[in-house]
Amino acid sequence: VDAALRIANAEHPPESLARACQALDVLLDGLLME
């Protein structure tokens, strides 16, 4: 996860970071649902 965030941050800081956060939220929601 950290590596993915670093890569996203290096490419497009604001947009990619927001998308990464959204993806993490979705993943966490999925884990909590199970």
PDB file of N, CA and C in Angstrom:
ATOM      1  N   VAL A   1       0.848  -1.203   0.000  1.00  0.00           N
ATOM      2  CA  VAL A   1       0.000   0.000   0.000  1.00  0.00           C
ATOM      3  C   VAL A   1       0.880   1.248   0.000  1.00  0.00           C
ATOM      4  N   ASP A   2       1.865   1.282   0.885  1.00  0.00           N
ATOM      5  CA  ASP A   2       2.759   2.443   0.940  1.00  0.00           C
ATOM      6  C   ASP A   2       3.419   2.702  -0.418  1.00  0.00           C
ATOM      7  N   ALA A   3       3.871   1.634  -1.053  1.00  0.00           N
ATOM      8  CA  ALA A   3       4.528   1.787  -2.354  1.00  0.00           C
ATOM      9  C   ALA A   3       3.546   2.366  -3.375  1.00  0.00           C
ATOM     10  N   ALA A   4       2.316   1.873  -3.361  1.00  0.00           N
ATOM     11  CA  ALA A   4       1.302   2.358  -4.308  1.00  0.00           C
ATOM     12  C   ALA A   4       1.033   3.838  -4.073  1.00  0.00           C
ATOM     13  N   LEU A   5       0.970   4.226  -2.799  1.00  0.00           N
ATOM     14  CA  LEU A   5       0.729   5.638  -2.487  1.00  0.00           C
ATOM     15  C   LEU A   5       1.895   6.490  -2.954  1.00  0.00           C
ATOM     16  N   ARG A   6       3.115   5.978  -2.785  1.00  0.00           N
ATOM     17  CA  ARG A   6       4.292   6.749  -3.214  1.00  0.00           C
ATOM     18  C   ARG A   6       4.288   6.927  -4.726  1.00  0.00           C
ATOM     19  N   ILE A   7       3.950   5.859  -5.440  1.00  0.00           N
ATOM     20  CA  ILE A   7       3.916   5.923  -6.906  1.00  0.00           C
ATOM     21  C   ILE A   7       2.834   6.916  -7.354  1.00  0.00           C
ATOM     22  N   ALA A   8       1.660   6.804  -6.763  1.00  0.00           N
ATOM     23  CA  ALA A   8       0.553   7.700  -7.113  1.00  0.00           C
ATOM     24  C   ALA A   8       0.944   9.137  -6.793  1.00  0.00           C
ATOM     25  N   ASN A   9       1.604   9.323  -5.668  1.00  0.00           N
ATOM     26  CA  ASN A   9       2.018  10.663  -5.241  1.00  0.00           C
ATOM     27  C   ASN A   9       3.024  11.243  -6.223  1.00  0.00           C
ATOM     28  N   ALA A  10       3.924  10.408  -6.723  1.00  0.00           N
ATOM     29  CA  ALA A  10       4.960  10.878  -7.644  1.00  0.00           C
ATOM     30  C   ALA A  10       4.350  11.267  -8.996  1.00  0.00           C
ATOM     31  N   GLU A  11       3.317  10.536  -9.428  1.00  0.00           N
ATOM     32  CA  GLU A  11       2.710  10.812 -10.735  1.00  0.00           C
ATOM     33  C   GLU A  11       1.845  12.068 -10.710  1.00  0.00           C
ATOM     34  N   HIS A  12       0.788  12.035  -9.916  1.00  0.00           N
ATOM     35  CA  HIS A  12      -0.126  13.186  -9.846  1.00  0.00           C
ATOM     36  C   HIS A  12      -0.567  13.344  -8.394  1.00  0.00           C
ATOM     37  N   PRO A  13       0.140  14.124  -7.626  1.00  0.00           N
ATOM     38  CA  PRO A  13      -0.139  14.244  -6.196  1.00  0.00           C
ATOM     39  C   PRO A  13      -1.617  14.377  -5.810  1.00  0.00           C
ATOM     40  N   PRO A  14      -2.316  15.437  -6.195  1.00  0.00           N
ATOM     41  CA  PRO A  14      -3.671  15.612  -5.679  1.00  0.00           C
ATOM     42  C   PRO A  14      -4.663  14.553  -6.146  1.00  0.00           C
ATOM     43  N   GLU A  15      -4.764  14.348  -7.447  1.00  0.00           N
ATOM     44  CA  GLU A  15      -5.775  13.422  -7.976  1.00  0.00           C
ATOM     45  C   GLU A  15      -5.495  11.973  -7.579  1.00  0.00           C
ATOM     46  N   SER A  16      -4.281  11.519  -7.818  1.00  0.00           N
ATOM     47  CA  SER A  16      -3.964  10.121  -7.549  1.00  0.00           C
ATOM     48  C   SER A  16      -4.069   9.809  -6.059  1.00  0.00           C
ATOM     49  N   LEU A  17      -3.658  10.763  -5.224  1.00  0.00           N
ATOM     50  CA  LEU A  17      -3.734  10.537  -3.779  1.00  0.00           C
ATOM     51  C   LEU A  17      -5.197  10.404  -3.363  1.00  0.00           C
ATOM     52  N   ALA A  18      -6.048  11.233  -3.927  1.00  0.00           N
ATOM     53  CA  ALA A  18      -7.473  11.159  -3.604  1.00  0.00           C
ATOM     54  C   ALA A  18      -8.037   9.822  -4.073  1.00  0.00           C
ATOM     55  N   ARG A  19      -7.634   9.388  -5.268  1.00  0.00           N
ATOM     56  CA  ARG A  19      -8.124   8.107  -5.796  1.00  0.00           C
ATOM     57  C   ARG A  19      -7.614   6.961  -4.946  1.00  0.00           C
ATOM     58  N   ALA A  20      -6.349   7.040  -4.524  1.00  0.00           N
ATOM     59  CA  ALA A  20      -5.767   5.989  -3.683  1.00  0.00           C
ATOM     60  C   ALA A  20      -6.530   5.911  -2.361  1.00  0.00           C
ATOM     61  N   CYS A  21      -6.868   7.065  -1.807  1.00  0.00           N
ATOM     62  CA  CYS A  21      -7.614   7.091  -0.548  1.00  0.00           C
ATOM     63  C   CYS A  21      -8.996   6.474  -0.747  1.00  0.00           C
ATOM     64  N   GLN A  22      -9.624   6.780  -1.871  1.00  0.00           N
ATOM     65  CA  GLN A  22     -10.940   6.208  -2.161  1.00  0.00           C
ATOM     66  C   GLN A  22     -10.834   4.697  -2.292  1.00  0.00           C
ATOM     67  N   ALA A  23      -9.801   4.233  -2.996  1.00  0.00           N
ATOM     68  CA  ALA A  23      -9.609   2.792  -3.189  1.00  0.00           C
ATOM     69  C   ALA A  23      -9.393   2.119  -1.839  1.00  0.00           C
ATOM     70  N   LEU A  24      -8.610   2.749  -0.973  1.00  0.00           N
ATOM     71  CA  LEU A  24      -8.358   2.188   0.361  1.00  0.00           C
ATOM     72  C   LEU A  24      -9.664   2.125   1.145  1.00  0.00           C
ATOM     73  N   ASP A  25     -10.473   3.161   1.069  1.00  0.00           N
ATOM     74  CA  ASP A  25     -11.753   3.181   1.776  1.00  0.00           C
ATOM     75  C   ASP A  25     -12.623   2.020   1.305  1.00  0.00           C
ATOM     76  N   VAL A  26     -12.670   1.797  -0.003  1.00  0.00           N
ATOM     77  CA  VAL A  26     -13.479   0.713  -0.563  1.00  0.00           C
ATOM     78  C   VAL A  26     -12.956  -0.639  -0.082  1.00  0.00           C
ATOM     79  N   LEU A  27     -11.614  -0.790  -0.097  1.00  0.00           N
ATOM     80  CA  LEU A  27     -11.027  -2.047   0.351  1.00  0.00           C
ATOM     81  C   LEU A  27     -11.319  -2.286   1.820  1.00  0.00           C
ATOM     82  N   LEU A  28     -11.164  -1.250   2.626  1.00  0.00           N
ATOM     83  CA  LEU A  28     -11.429  -1.380   4.064  1.00  0.00           C
ATOM     84  C   LEU A  28     -12.895  -1.719   4.297  1.00  0.00           C
ATOM     85  N   ASP A  29     -13.783  -1.073   3.566  1.00  0.00           N
ATOM     86  CA  ASP A  29     -15.213  -1.366   3.702  1.00  0.00           C
ATOM     87  C   ASP A  29     -15.474  -2.829   3.368  1.00  0.00           C
ATOM     88  N   GLY A  30     -14.843  -3.314   2.310  1.00  0.00           N
ATOM     89  CA  GLY A  30     -15.027  -4.713   1.909  1.00  0.00           C
ATOM     90  C   GLY A  30     -14.526  -5.665   2.980  1.00  0.00           C
ATOM     91  N   LEU A  31     -13.399  -5.337   3.596  1.00  0.00           N
ATOM     92  CA  LEU A  31     -12.841  -6.191   4.646  1.00  0.00           C
ATOM     93  C   LEU A  31     -13.740  -6.185   5.875  1.00  0.00           C
ATOM     94  N   LEU A  32     -14.272  -5.009   6.207  1.00  0.00           N
ATOM     95  CA  LEU A  32     -15.128  -4.903   7.391  1.00  0.00           C
ATOM     96  C   LEU A  32     -16.456  -5.628   7.173  1.00  0.00           C
ATOM     97  N   MET A  33     -16.910  -5.672   5.930  1.00  0.00           N
ATOM     98  CA  MET A  33     -18.190  -6.323   5.636  1.00  0.00           C
ATOM     99  C   MET A  33     -18.116  -7.834   5.831  1.00  0.00           C
ATOM    100  N   GLU A  34     -16.933  -8.426   5.580  1.00  0.00           N
ATOM    101  CA  GLU A  34     -16.813  -9.891   5.652  1.00  0.00           C
ATOM    102  C   GLU A  34     -16.799 -10.404   7.083  1.00  0.00           C
TER     103      GLU A  34
END
